[in-house]
């Protein structure tokens, strides 16, 4: 392993060791994901999860929409930070992932806060259009990221937050070649020029775009 890469790994572990730790169930869920999923790196992990919890705590969010459930780590992580009357609507296309997530939600005292909407996310977002949300987390297929952002922004209350994961795509957004990198680059440029939000792109993990819907 190159020295620079090794140092990055060591710094990542240093950050994790000095950040609030996951609950036992989340640790088990992450372990399960790495042992059983073909693309386990899709899990957002402790640092991104802690960032999401920080947003919830600072904004006192109660109602959250999540685009992309995967095995349920991020939804469960956010649910742990919500008050008892909080709720998360998480959208997942793949039945396998939805079933895995639900099995872990059923084992958590916070699982009752989470509702899984199965099927295409754009259709589920359309069904939720009459609901107002405090926060959104987008971590799904990259080609639809811009449309997910647009739809979620219409669902957000003024002052609400949207977080988009993977916005650096391993650095490929600098010179995008494949469709995913091009879609993420396009999404980032759109958000940068969107006067409806205050946005910051943070180099956390694979890049987090953090947006706050401006008060009108």
N, C-alpha and C. Protein backbone atom coordinates (compact mmCIF):
# COMPACT_ATOMS: atom_id res chain seq x y z
N UNK A 1 0.85 -1.20 0.00
CA UNK A 1 0.00 0.00 0.00
C UNK A 1 0.89 1.25 0.00
N UNK A 2 0.64 2.21 -0.90
CA UNK A 2 1.43 3.45 -0.92
C UNK A 2 1.35 4.17 0.41
N UNK A 3 2.42 4.91 0.74
CA UNK A 3 2.48 5.59 2.04
C UNK A 3 1.33 6.56 2.22
N UNK A 4 1.01 7.31 1.17
CA UNK A 4 -0.07 8.30 1.27
C UNK A 4 -1.41 7.63 1.57
N UNK A 5 -1.65 6.50 0.91
CA UNK A 5 -2.90 5.76 1.12
C UNK A 5 -2.95 5.19 2.53
N UNK A 6 -1.81 4.67 2.99
CA UNK A 6 -1.73 4.13 4.35
C UNK A 6 -2.01 5.22 5.38
N UNK A 7 -1.45 6.40 5.17
CA UNK A 7 -1.67 7.50 6.10
C UNK A 7 -3.12 7.93 6.12
N UNK A 8 -3.76 7.93 4.95
CA UNK A 8 -5.19 8.27 4.89
C UNK A 8 -6.02 7.28 5.69
N UNK A 9 -5.67 5.99 5.57
CA UNK A 9 -6.39 4.97 6.33
C UNK A 9 -6.18 5.17 7.83
N UNK A 10 -4.96 5.50 8.21
CA UNK A 10 -4.67 5.73 9.62
C UNK A 10 -5.40 6.95 10.14
N UNK A 11 -5.48 8.00 9.34
CA UNK A 11 -6.20 9.20 9.74
C UNK A 11 -7.70 8.92 9.88
N UNK A 12 -8.22 8.10 8.98
CA UNK A 12 -9.63 7.73 9.06
C UNK A 12 -9.92 6.99 10.36
N UNK A 13 -9.06 6.05 10.71
CA UNK A 13 -9.24 5.32 11.95
C UNK A 13 -9.08 6.25 13.16
N UNK A 14 -8.17 7.21 13.06
CA UNK A 14 -7.97 8.20 14.12
C UNK A 14 -9.25 8.98 14.34
N UNK A 15 -9.90 9.40 13.24
CA UNK A 15 -11.15 10.14 13.34
C UNK A 15 -12.25 9.28 13.96
N UNK A 16 -12.34 8.03 13.53
CA UNK A 16 -13.36 7.14 14.08
C UNK A 16 -13.17 6.92 15.57
N UNK A 17 -11.92 6.78 15.98
CA UNK A 17 -11.62 6.52 17.39
C UNK A 17 -11.94 7.71 18.27
N UNK A 18 -12.06 8.88 17.67
CA UNK A 18 -12.34 10.10 18.43
C UNK A 18 -13.71 10.68 18.06
N UNK A 19 -14.60 9.80 17.65
CA UNK A 19 -15.99 10.16 17.35
C UNK A 19 -16.91 9.25 18.15
N UNK A 20 -18.09 9.73 18.46
CA UNK A 20 -19.06 8.92 19.21
C UNK A 20 -19.25 7.57 18.54
N UNK A 21 -19.26 6.52 19.35
CA UNK A 21 -19.31 5.16 18.81
C UNK A 21 -20.74 4.74 18.46
N UNK A 22 -20.83 3.75 17.61
CA UNK A 22 -22.13 3.20 17.20
C UNK A 22 -22.72 2.34 18.32
N UNK A 23 -24.03 2.19 18.27
CA UNK A 23 -24.70 1.25 19.16
C UNK A 23 -24.33 -0.17 18.75
N UNK A 24 -24.58 -1.11 19.65
CA UNK A 24 -24.26 -2.50 19.37
C UNK A 24 -24.96 -3.04 18.13
N UNK A 25 -26.22 -2.66 17.94
CA UNK A 25 -26.97 -3.15 16.78
C UNK A 25 -26.41 -2.59 15.49
N UNK A 26 -26.00 -1.32 15.50
CA UNK A 26 -25.41 -0.73 14.30
C UNK A 26 -24.08 -1.40 13.96
N UNK A 27 -23.29 -1.71 14.97
CA UNK A 27 -22.03 -2.42 14.75
C UNK A 27 -22.31 -3.78 14.12
N UNK A 28 -23.32 -4.47 14.62
CA UNK A 28 -23.71 -5.77 14.07
C UNK A 28 -24.20 -5.63 12.63
N UNK A 29 -24.97 -4.58 12.36
CA UNK A 29 -25.50 -4.36 11.02
C UNK A 29 -24.38 -4.07 10.03
N UNK A 30 -23.41 -3.26 10.45
CA UNK A 30 -22.29 -2.97 9.55
C UNK A 30 -21.49 -4.24 9.28
N UNK A 31 -21.26 -5.04 10.29
CA UNK A 31 -20.53 -6.30 10.12
C UNK A 31 -21.28 -7.23 9.17
N UNK A 32 -22.59 -7.31 9.36
CA UNK A 32 -23.42 -8.15 8.49
C UNK A 32 -23.30 -7.69 7.03
N UNK A 33 -23.34 -6.38 6.83
CA UNK A 33 -23.28 -5.83 5.49
C UNK A 33 -21.97 -6.18 4.80
N UNK A 34 -20.86 -6.03 5.51
CA UNK A 34 -19.56 -6.33 4.91
C UNK A 34 -19.39 -7.82 4.64
N UNK A 35 -20.06 -8.66 5.41
CA UNK A 35 -19.91 -10.10 5.23
C UNK A 35 -20.88 -10.69 4.22
N UNK A 36 -21.97 -9.99 3.90
CA UNK A 36 -23.02 -10.59 3.08
C UNK A 36 -23.39 -9.85 1.80
N UNK A 37 -22.98 -8.60 1.65
CA UNK A 37 -23.36 -7.83 0.48
C UNK A 37 -22.24 -7.80 -0.56
N UNK A 38 -22.62 -7.75 -1.83
CA UNK A 38 -21.64 -7.72 -2.91
C UNK A 38 -20.89 -6.40 -2.97
N UNK A 39 -21.58 -5.31 -2.61
CA UNK A 39 -20.95 -3.98 -2.63
C UNK A 39 -21.12 -3.34 -1.26
N UNK A 40 -20.45 -3.88 -0.23
CA UNK A 40 -20.68 -3.42 1.14
C UNK A 40 -20.26 -1.97 1.38
N UNK A 41 -19.36 -1.45 0.53
CA UNK A 41 -18.91 -0.07 0.73
C UNK A 41 -20.02 0.94 0.48
N UNK A 42 -21.17 0.49 0.03
CA UNK A 42 -22.31 1.39 -0.11
C UNK A 42 -22.83 1.87 1.25
N UNK A 43 -22.49 1.15 2.31
CA UNK A 43 -22.93 1.56 3.64
C UNK A 43 -22.23 2.88 3.99
N UNK A 44 -22.98 3.79 4.61
CA UNK A 44 -22.40 5.13 4.83
C UNK A 44 -21.38 5.14 5.95
N UNK A 45 -21.54 4.32 6.98
CA UNK A 45 -20.55 4.21 8.03
C UNK A 45 -20.65 5.24 9.14
N UNK A 46 -19.79 5.06 10.12
CA UNK A 46 -19.86 5.80 11.37
C UNK A 46 -19.73 7.31 11.21
N UNK A 47 -18.74 7.78 10.43
CA UNK A 47 -18.50 9.21 10.35
C UNK A 47 -19.63 9.95 9.64
N UNK A 48 -20.09 9.40 8.52
CA UNK A 48 -21.24 10.00 7.84
C UNK A 48 -22.48 9.91 8.73
N UNK A 49 -22.65 8.75 9.37
CA UNK A 49 -23.78 8.58 10.27
C UNK A 49 -23.78 9.58 11.41
N UNK A 50 -22.60 9.82 11.98
CA UNK A 50 -22.49 10.82 13.05
C UNK A 50 -22.80 12.22 12.54
N UNK A 51 -22.38 12.51 11.31
CA UNK A 51 -22.71 13.81 10.73
C UNK A 51 -24.23 13.96 10.60
N UNK A 52 -24.89 12.92 10.13
CA UNK A 52 -26.35 12.97 10.00
C UNK A 52 -27.01 13.17 11.37
N UNK A 53 -26.52 12.46 12.37
CA UNK A 53 -27.07 12.65 13.71
C UNK A 53 -26.83 14.07 14.21
N UNK A 54 -25.69 14.64 13.89
CA UNK A 54 -25.39 16.01 14.30
C UNK A 54 -26.37 17.00 13.68
N UNK A 55 -26.68 16.80 12.40
CA UNK A 55 -27.66 17.66 11.73
C UNK A 55 -29.02 17.56 12.41
N UNK A 56 -29.41 16.33 12.73
CA UNK A 56 -30.70 16.12 13.40
C UNK A 56 -30.74 16.83 14.75
N UNK A 57 -29.69 16.66 15.52
CA UNK A 57 -29.66 17.26 16.86
C UNK A 57 -29.63 18.78 16.79
N UNK A 58 -28.85 19.34 15.87
CA UNK A 58 -28.75 20.80 15.76
C UNK A 58 -30.04 21.43 15.24
N UNK A 59 -30.67 20.76 14.27
CA UNK A 59 -31.87 21.33 13.64
C UNK A 59 -33.16 20.91 14.34
N UNK A 60 -33.03 19.95 15.30
CA UNK A 60 -34.21 19.40 15.98
C UNK A 60 -35.20 18.81 14.97
N UNK A 61 -34.65 18.15 13.96
CA UNK A 61 -35.49 17.52 12.94
C UNK A 61 -36.35 16.41 13.54
N UNK A 62 -37.55 16.29 13.03
CA UNK A 62 -38.46 15.23 13.46
C UNK A 62 -38.92 14.35 12.31
N UNK A 63 -38.93 14.91 11.10
CA UNK A 63 -39.45 14.15 9.96
C UNK A 63 -38.40 14.12 8.85
N UNK A 64 -37.97 12.92 8.47
CA UNK A 64 -36.86 12.75 7.53
C UNK A 64 -37.28 11.85 6.37
N UNK A 65 -36.83 12.19 5.16
CA UNK A 65 -36.98 11.31 4.01
C UNK A 65 -35.58 10.88 3.56
N UNK A 66 -35.44 9.60 3.31
CA UNK A 66 -34.16 9.05 2.88
C UNK A 66 -34.34 8.35 1.54
N UNK A 67 -33.51 8.71 0.57
CA UNK A 67 -33.56 8.07 -0.75
C UNK A 67 -32.42 7.06 -0.81
N UNK A 68 -32.77 5.79 -0.71
CA UNK A 68 -31.77 4.72 -0.71
C UNK A 68 -31.56 4.14 0.68
N UNK A 69 -32.21 3.03 0.98
CA UNK A 69 -32.13 2.41 2.30
C UNK A 69 -30.89 1.54 2.45
N UNK A 70 -30.56 0.79 1.39
CA UNK A 70 -29.54 -0.26 1.40
C UNK A 70 -29.87 -1.22 2.54
N UNK A 71 -28.95 -1.54 3.42
CA UNK A 71 -29.24 -2.50 4.48
C UNK A 71 -29.80 -1.84 5.74
N UNK A 72 -30.00 -0.53 5.71
CA UNK A 72 -30.70 0.15 6.79
C UNK A 72 -29.84 0.87 7.81
N UNK A 73 -28.52 0.87 7.60
CA UNK A 73 -27.63 1.48 8.59
C UNK A 73 -27.95 2.95 8.82
N UNK A 74 -28.00 3.74 7.75
CA UNK A 74 -28.19 5.19 7.92
C UNK A 74 -29.56 5.51 8.49
N UNK A 75 -30.59 4.78 8.07
CA UNK A 75 -31.93 5.03 8.62
C UNK A 75 -31.96 4.75 10.12
N UNK A 76 -31.37 3.63 10.52
CA UNK A 76 -31.36 3.28 11.94
C UNK A 76 -30.50 4.25 12.74
N UNK A 77 -29.39 4.67 12.14
CA UNK A 77 -28.52 5.64 12.80
C UNK A 77 -29.28 6.95 13.04
N UNK A 78 -30.01 7.42 12.04
CA UNK A 78 -30.78 8.66 12.19
C UNK A 78 -31.93 8.48 13.17
N UNK A 79 -32.56 7.32 13.14
CA UNK A 79 -33.69 7.06 14.04
C UNK A 79 -33.25 7.13 15.49
N UNK A 80 -32.03 6.71 15.77
CA UNK A 80 -31.52 6.75 17.14
C UNK A 80 -31.39 8.18 17.67
N UNK A 81 -31.26 9.15 16.75
CA UNK A 81 -31.11 10.55 17.16
C UNK A 81 -32.44 11.31 17.18
N UNK A 82 -33.49 10.69 16.68
CA UNK A 82 -34.79 11.35 16.62
C UNK A 82 -35.53 11.25 17.95
N UNK A 83 -36.40 12.21 18.24
CA UNK A 83 -37.25 12.09 19.42
C UNK A 83 -38.26 10.96 19.22
N UNK A 84 -38.98 10.62 20.28
CA UNK A 84 -39.91 9.49 20.22
C UNK A 84 -40.99 9.67 19.16
N UNK A 85 -41.37 10.93 18.87
CA UNK A 85 -42.40 11.18 17.88
C UNK A 85 -41.82 11.46 16.49
N UNK A 86 -40.52 11.19 16.31
CA UNK A 86 -39.89 11.40 15.00
C UNK A 86 -40.22 10.27 14.04
N UNK A 87 -40.01 10.52 12.75
CA UNK A 87 -40.29 9.50 11.76
C UNK A 87 -39.36 9.64 10.56
N UNK A 88 -39.02 8.50 10.00
CA UNK A 88 -38.18 8.43 8.81
C UNK A 88 -38.93 7.65 7.73
N UNK A 89 -39.01 8.23 6.55
CA UNK A 89 -39.56 7.53 5.39
C UNK A 89 -38.38 7.22 4.48
N UNK A 90 -38.02 5.94 4.38
CA UNK A 90 -36.86 5.55 3.60
C UNK A 90 -37.30 4.77 2.36
N UNK A 91 -36.69 5.06 1.23
CA UNK A 91 -37.13 4.55 -0.06
C UNK A 91 -36.11 3.55 -0.61
N UNK A 92 -36.57 2.37 -0.97
CA UNK A 92 -35.64 1.33 -1.44
C UNK A 92 -36.26 0.54 -2.59
N UNK A 93 -35.48 0.38 -3.65
CA UNK A 93 -35.95 -0.35 -4.83
C UNK A 93 -35.82 -1.86 -4.67
N UNK A 94 -34.70 -2.32 -4.10
CA UNK A 94 -34.42 -3.76 -4.06
C UNK A 94 -35.07 -4.43 -2.85
N UNK A 95 -35.86 -5.45 -3.12
CA UNK A 95 -36.54 -6.18 -2.05
C UNK A 95 -35.56 -6.80 -1.06
N UNK A 96 -34.46 -7.32 -1.57
CA UNK A 96 -33.45 -7.94 -0.71
C UNK A 96 -32.96 -6.96 0.35
N UNK A 97 -32.64 -5.75 -0.07
CA UNK A 97 -32.14 -4.75 0.86
C UNK A 97 -33.23 -4.29 1.83
N UNK A 98 -34.43 -4.11 1.30
CA UNK A 98 -35.54 -3.69 2.16
C UNK A 98 -35.82 -4.73 3.24
N UNK A 99 -35.75 -6.00 2.87
CA UNK A 99 -36.00 -7.08 3.84
C UNK A 99 -34.91 -7.14 4.90
N UNK A 100 -33.65 -6.98 4.48
CA UNK A 100 -32.55 -6.96 5.45
C UNK A 100 -32.72 -5.81 6.42
N UNK A 101 -33.00 -4.62 5.87
CA UNK A 101 -33.17 -3.43 6.72
C UNK A 101 -34.30 -3.64 7.72
N UNK A 102 -35.43 -4.15 7.26
CA UNK A 102 -36.58 -4.34 8.14
C UNK A 102 -36.27 -5.32 9.26
N UNK A 103 -35.47 -6.33 8.95
CA UNK A 103 -35.13 -7.32 9.98
C UNK A 103 -34.33 -6.69 11.12
N UNK A 104 -33.50 -5.70 10.79
CA UNK A 104 -32.76 -5.01 11.84
C UNK A 104 -33.62 -3.95 12.53
N UNK A 105 -34.48 -3.29 11.78
CA UNK A 105 -35.38 -2.31 12.39
C UNK A 105 -36.27 -2.98 13.43
N UNK A 106 -36.70 -4.20 13.12
CA UNK A 106 -37.59 -4.93 14.03
C UNK A 106 -36.91 -5.27 15.36
N UNK A 107 -35.60 -5.24 15.38
CA UNK A 107 -34.85 -5.57 16.60
C UNK A 107 -34.47 -4.33 17.41
N UNK A 108 -34.83 -3.16 16.91
CA UNK A 108 -34.46 -1.91 17.57
C UNK A 108 -35.66 -1.23 18.19
N UNK A 109 -35.47 -0.63 19.34
CA UNK A 109 -36.55 0.14 19.96
C UNK A 109 -36.88 1.38 19.14
N UNK A 110 -35.99 1.75 18.22
CA UNK A 110 -36.22 2.91 17.36
C UNK A 110 -36.78 2.53 16.00
N UNK A 111 -36.92 1.23 15.77
CA UNK A 111 -37.37 0.76 14.46
C UNK A 111 -38.77 1.21 14.08
N UNK A 112 -39.61 1.44 15.10
CA UNK A 112 -40.99 1.86 14.82
C UNK A 112 -41.06 3.26 14.22
N UNK A 113 -39.97 4.00 14.30
CA UNK A 113 -39.94 5.35 13.71
C UNK A 113 -39.72 5.31 12.19
N UNK A 114 -39.36 4.12 11.67
CA UNK A 114 -38.94 4.00 10.27
C UNK A 114 -40.00 3.28 9.44
N UNK A 115 -40.35 3.89 8.31
CA UNK A 115 -41.24 3.26 7.34
C UNK A 115 -40.49 3.08 6.03
N UNK A 116 -40.45 1.85 5.52
CA UNK A 116 -39.80 1.57 4.24
C UNK A 116 -40.84 1.67 3.12
N UNK A 117 -40.53 2.47 2.11
CA UNK A 117 -41.35 2.56 0.91
C UNK A 117 -40.62 1.79 -0.19
N UNK A 118 -41.21 0.69 -0.62
CA UNK A 118 -40.56 -0.18 -1.59
C UNK A 118 -40.95 0.21 -3.01
N UNK A 119 -39.95 0.11 -3.92
CA UNK A 119 -40.19 0.45 -5.32
C UNK A 119 -39.35 1.63 -5.76
N UNK A 120 -39.55 2.10 -7.00
CA UNK A 120 -38.77 3.21 -7.53
C UNK A 120 -38.90 4.46 -6.66
N UNK A 121 -37.79 5.09 -6.35
CA UNK A 121 -37.78 6.22 -5.43
C UNK A 121 -38.57 7.41 -5.96
N UNK A 122 -38.50 7.66 -7.25
CA UNK A 122 -39.22 8.81 -7.80
C UNK A 122 -40.73 8.65 -7.62
N UNK A 123 -41.22 7.42 -7.74
CA UNK A 123 -42.64 7.17 -7.52
C UNK A 123 -43.00 7.36 -6.05
N UNK A 124 -42.14 6.91 -5.16
CA UNK A 124 -42.39 7.07 -3.72
C UNK A 124 -42.34 8.54 -3.33
N UNK A 125 -41.42 9.30 -3.90
CA UNK A 125 -41.34 10.73 -3.61
C UNK A 125 -42.60 11.45 -4.08
N UNK A 126 -43.15 10.99 -5.18
CA UNK A 126 -44.40 11.58 -5.68
C UNK A 126 -45.53 11.33 -4.69
N UNK A 127 -45.55 10.14 -4.09
CA UNK A 127 -46.59 9.81 -3.12
C UNK A 127 -46.45 10.61 -1.83
N UNK A 128 -45.23 11.09 -1.56
CA UNK A 128 -44.97 11.84 -0.33
C UNK A 128 -45.06 13.35 -0.53
N UNK A 129 -45.48 13.80 -1.70
CA UNK A 129 -45.39 15.22 -2.03
C UNK A 129 -46.28 16.12 -1.17
N UNK A 130 -47.25 15.54 -0.49
CA UNK A 130 -48.12 16.35 0.37
C UNK A 130 -47.55 16.47 1.79
N UNK A 131 -46.40 15.84 2.03
CA UNK A 131 -45.79 15.84 3.35
C UNK A 131 -44.64 16.83 3.41
N UNK A 132 -44.49 17.51 4.54
CA UNK A 132 -43.37 18.43 4.74
C UNK A 132 -42.31 17.74 5.60
N UNK A 133 -41.04 17.85 5.18
CA UNK A 133 -39.96 17.21 5.89
C UNK A 133 -38.96 18.24 6.41
N UNK A 134 -38.22 17.83 7.45
CA UNK A 134 -37.18 18.67 8.04
C UNK A 134 -35.81 18.37 7.45
N UNK A 135 -35.66 17.18 6.88
CA UNK A 135 -34.33 16.75 6.44
C UNK A 135 -34.46 15.64 5.40
N UNK A 136 -33.49 15.59 4.49
CA UNK A 136 -33.42 14.50 3.51
C UNK A 136 -31.99 14.01 3.41
N UNK A 137 -31.84 12.70 3.22
CA UNK A 137 -30.53 12.11 2.96
C UNK A 137 -30.64 11.32 1.67
N UNK A 138 -29.80 11.65 0.70
CA UNK A 138 -29.84 11.02 -0.62
C UNK A 138 -28.59 10.17 -0.80
N UNK A 139 -28.78 8.87 -1.00
CA UNK A 139 -27.66 7.94 -1.18
C UNK A 139 -28.18 6.74 -1.97
N UNK A 140 -28.47 6.98 -3.25
CA UNK A 140 -29.07 5.95 -4.09
C UNK A 140 -28.35 5.95 -5.45
N UNK A 141 -29.01 5.45 -6.50
CA UNK A 141 -28.39 5.44 -7.82
C UNK A 141 -28.03 6.86 -8.24
N UNK A 142 -26.85 7.00 -8.82
CA UNK A 142 -26.29 8.34 -9.05
C UNK A 142 -26.90 9.03 -10.27
N UNK A 143 -27.36 8.26 -11.25
CA UNK A 143 -27.88 8.88 -12.47
C UNK A 143 -29.14 9.71 -12.21
N UNK A 144 -29.86 9.40 -11.14
CA UNK A 144 -31.07 10.15 -10.80
C UNK A 144 -30.86 11.16 -9.67
N UNK A 145 -29.60 11.40 -9.29
CA UNK A 145 -29.34 12.27 -8.15
C UNK A 145 -29.96 13.65 -8.30
N UNK A 146 -29.83 14.24 -9.46
CA UNK A 146 -30.35 15.60 -9.65
C UNK A 146 -31.86 15.63 -9.47
N UNK A 147 -32.53 14.63 -10.01
CA UNK A 147 -33.99 14.59 -9.86
C UNK A 147 -34.37 14.33 -8.42
N UNK A 148 -33.63 13.47 -7.71
CA UNK A 148 -33.90 13.24 -6.29
C UNK A 148 -33.75 14.54 -5.50
N UNK A 149 -32.68 15.27 -5.80
CA UNK A 149 -32.46 16.56 -5.11
C UNK A 149 -33.62 17.51 -5.36
N UNK A 150 -34.03 17.64 -6.61
CA UNK A 150 -35.13 18.57 -6.93
C UNK A 150 -36.41 18.18 -6.21
N UNK A 151 -36.71 16.89 -6.22
CA UNK A 151 -37.95 16.43 -5.57
C UNK A 151 -37.87 16.64 -4.06
N UNK A 152 -36.72 16.30 -3.47
CA UNK A 152 -36.58 16.45 -2.02
C UNK A 152 -36.66 17.91 -1.60
N UNK A 153 -36.12 18.80 -2.41
CA UNK A 153 -36.14 20.22 -2.06
C UNK A 153 -37.58 20.73 -1.98
N UNK A 154 -38.44 20.24 -2.84
CA UNK A 154 -39.84 20.67 -2.79
C UNK A 154 -40.54 20.15 -1.53
N UNK A 155 -40.00 19.06 -0.95
CA UNK A 155 -40.60 18.49 0.26
C UNK A 155 -40.08 19.14 1.53
N UNK A 156 -38.97 19.88 1.43
CA UNK A 156 -38.34 20.45 2.62
C UNK A 156 -39.04 21.71 3.10
N UNK A 157 -39.16 21.84 4.41
CA UNK A 157 -39.59 23.11 5.00
C UNK A 157 -38.48 24.13 4.84
N UNK A 158 -38.80 25.39 4.93
CA UNK A 158 -37.76 26.42 4.93
C UNK A 158 -36.83 26.19 6.12
N UNK A 159 -35.54 26.22 5.87
CA UNK A 159 -34.56 25.92 6.91
C UNK A 159 -34.23 24.45 7.02
N UNK A 160 -34.92 23.61 6.24
CA UNK A 160 -34.64 22.18 6.25
C UNK A 160 -33.33 21.86 5.55
N UNK A 161 -32.81 20.65 5.80
CA UNK A 161 -31.49 20.27 5.30
C UNK A 161 -31.57 19.08 4.36
N UNK A 162 -30.72 19.10 3.33
CA UNK A 162 -30.55 17.97 2.42
C UNK A 162 -29.08 17.59 2.41
N UNK A 163 -28.80 16.31 2.61
CA UNK A 163 -27.43 15.80 2.56
C UNK A 163 -27.36 14.77 1.44
N UNK A 164 -26.39 14.94 0.54
CA UNK A 164 -26.18 14.01 -0.57
C UNK A 164 -24.82 13.34 -0.40
N UNK A 165 -24.80 12.01 -0.41
CA UNK A 165 -23.55 11.27 -0.23
C UNK A 165 -22.88 11.03 -1.59
N UNK A 166 -21.58 10.67 -1.54
CA UNK A 166 -20.81 10.27 -2.72
C UNK A 166 -20.62 11.36 -3.76
N UNK A 167 -20.62 12.61 -3.33
CA UNK A 167 -20.56 13.71 -4.29
C UNK A 167 -19.15 13.96 -4.84
N UNK A 168 -18.14 13.22 -4.35
CA UNK A 168 -16.80 13.29 -4.94
C UNK A 168 -16.49 12.07 -5.81
N UNK A 169 -17.19 10.98 -5.53
CA UNK A 169 -17.10 9.75 -6.34
C UNK A 169 -15.65 9.32 -6.57
N UNK A 170 -14.92 9.27 -5.45
CA UNK A 170 -13.54 8.83 -5.52
C UNK A 170 -12.63 9.77 -6.30
N UNK A 171 -13.07 11.01 -6.47
CA UNK A 171 -12.30 11.99 -7.22
C UNK A 171 -12.65 12.04 -8.70
N UNK A 172 -13.50 11.13 -9.17
CA UNK A 172 -13.83 11.06 -10.59
C UNK A 172 -14.66 12.25 -11.08
N UNK A 173 -15.25 13.00 -10.17
CA UNK A 173 -16.03 14.17 -10.59
C UNK A 173 -15.13 15.27 -11.18
N UNK A 174 -13.83 15.21 -10.90
CA UNK A 174 -12.92 16.23 -11.44
C UNK A 174 -12.80 16.12 -12.96
N UNK A 175 -12.72 14.90 -13.43
CA UNK A 175 -12.69 14.64 -14.88
C UNK A 175 -13.62 13.46 -15.16
N UNK A 176 -14.92 13.70 -15.11
CA UNK A 176 -15.89 12.60 -15.21
C UNK A 176 -15.86 11.90 -16.57
N UNK A 177 -15.84 10.57 -16.50
CA UNK A 177 -15.82 9.76 -17.72
C UNK A 177 -17.07 8.90 -17.84
N UNK A 178 -17.49 8.28 -16.71
CA UNK A 178 -18.67 7.41 -16.78
C UNK A 178 -19.93 8.18 -16.43
N UNK A 179 -21.08 7.54 -16.63
CA UNK A 179 -22.38 8.20 -16.44
C UNK A 179 -22.58 8.65 -15.00
N UNK A 180 -22.14 7.83 -14.03
CA UNK A 180 -22.32 8.19 -12.62
C UNK A 180 -21.55 9.46 -12.28
N UNK A 181 -20.29 9.50 -12.67
CA UNK A 181 -19.47 10.68 -12.38
C UNK A 181 -20.03 11.92 -13.06
N UNK A 182 -20.49 11.77 -14.28
CA UNK A 182 -21.08 12.90 -15.01
C UNK A 182 -22.34 13.40 -14.32
N UNK A 183 -23.17 12.45 -13.85
CA UNK A 183 -24.41 12.83 -13.17
C UNK A 183 -24.13 13.56 -11.86
N UNK A 184 -23.12 13.09 -11.12
CA UNK A 184 -22.76 13.73 -9.86
C UNK A 184 -22.16 15.11 -10.10
N UNK A 185 -21.34 15.25 -11.13
CA UNK A 185 -20.78 16.55 -11.48
C UNK A 185 -21.91 17.52 -11.84
N UNK A 186 -22.86 17.06 -12.63
CA UNK A 186 -23.99 17.88 -13.04
C UNK A 186 -24.83 18.29 -11.83
N UNK A 187 -25.04 17.36 -10.91
CA UNK A 187 -25.81 17.65 -9.70
C UNK A 187 -25.12 18.70 -8.86
N UNK A 188 -23.80 18.56 -8.67
CA UNK A 188 -23.05 19.53 -7.90
C UNK A 188 -23.10 20.92 -8.50
N UNK A 189 -23.00 21.00 -9.81
CA UNK A 189 -23.04 22.30 -10.48
C UNK A 189 -24.43 22.92 -10.37
N UNK A 190 -25.46 22.09 -10.46
CA UNK A 190 -26.83 22.60 -10.32
C UNK A 190 -27.05 23.18 -8.93
N UNK A 191 -26.63 22.44 -7.91
CA UNK A 191 -26.81 22.90 -6.54
C UNK A 191 -26.02 24.18 -6.29
N UNK A 192 -24.80 24.26 -6.83
CA UNK A 192 -23.99 25.44 -6.64
C UNK A 192 -24.67 26.70 -7.19
N UNK A 193 -25.50 26.52 -8.21
CA UNK A 193 -26.19 27.66 -8.83
C UNK A 193 -27.65 27.78 -8.40
N UNK A 194 -28.04 27.00 -7.41
CA UNK A 194 -29.42 27.01 -6.93
C UNK A 194 -29.55 28.02 -5.79
N UNK A 195 -30.19 29.13 -6.06
CA UNK A 195 -30.32 30.20 -5.06
C UNK A 195 -31.29 29.85 -3.94
N UNK A 196 -31.94 28.72 -4.05
CA UNK A 196 -32.88 28.32 -3.01
C UNK A 196 -32.18 27.71 -1.80
N UNK A 197 -30.87 27.41 -1.93
CA UNK A 197 -30.16 26.74 -0.83
C UNK A 197 -28.82 27.42 -0.54
N UNK A 198 -28.36 27.22 0.70
CA UNK A 198 -26.98 27.49 1.10
C UNK A 198 -26.29 26.14 1.14
N UNK A 199 -25.20 25.99 0.39
CA UNK A 199 -24.60 24.66 0.24
C UNK A 199 -23.11 24.66 0.52
N UNK A 200 -22.64 23.52 1.04
CA UNK A 200 -21.22 23.29 1.29
C UNK A 200 -20.89 21.85 0.91
N UNK A 201 -19.84 21.66 0.09
CA UNK A 201 -19.39 20.32 -0.26
C UNK A 201 -18.22 19.96 0.65
N UNK A 202 -18.42 18.94 1.46
CA UNK A 202 -17.46 18.55 2.49
C UNK A 202 -16.72 17.28 2.09
N UNK A 203 -15.38 17.24 2.26
CA UNK A 203 -14.61 16.04 1.91
C UNK A 203 -14.66 14.97 2.99
N UNK A 204 -15.86 14.66 3.46
CA UNK A 204 -16.07 13.60 4.43
C UNK A 204 -16.35 12.31 3.67
N UNK A 205 -15.55 11.29 3.95
CA UNK A 205 -15.66 10.00 3.26
C UNK A 205 -15.56 10.23 1.75
N UNK A 206 -16.65 10.01 1.01
CA UNK A 206 -16.63 10.16 -0.45
C UNK A 206 -17.31 11.45 -0.90
N UNK A 207 -17.40 12.41 0.02
CA UNK A 207 -17.96 13.71 -0.33
C UNK A 207 -19.41 13.86 0.07
N UNK A 208 -19.68 14.79 1.00
CA UNK A 208 -21.05 15.08 1.42
C UNK A 208 -21.41 16.50 0.99
N UNK A 209 -22.46 16.62 0.20
CA UNK A 209 -23.01 17.94 -0.10
C UNK A 209 -24.09 18.24 0.94
N UNK A 210 -23.90 19.33 1.64
CA UNK A 210 -24.81 19.73 2.72
C UNK A 210 -25.53 21.00 2.29
N UNK A 211 -26.84 20.92 2.21
CA UNK A 211 -27.65 22.04 1.73
C UNK A 211 -28.68 22.43 2.79
N UNK A 212 -28.87 23.72 2.97
CA UNK A 212 -29.92 24.24 3.85
C UNK A 212 -30.86 25.08 3.00
N UNK A 213 -32.14 24.75 3.02
CA UNK A 213 -33.11 25.48 2.24
C UNK A 213 -33.30 26.88 2.81
N UNK A 214 -33.08 27.87 1.99
CA UNK A 214 -33.17 29.25 2.44
C UNK A 214 -34.56 29.62 2.88
N UNK A 215 -34.62 30.47 3.89
CA UNK A 215 -35.90 31.01 4.33
C UNK A 215 -36.43 31.96 3.25
N UNK A 216 -37.70 31.91 3.00
CA UNK A 216 -38.31 32.79 1.99
C UNK A 216 -39.30 33.73 2.64
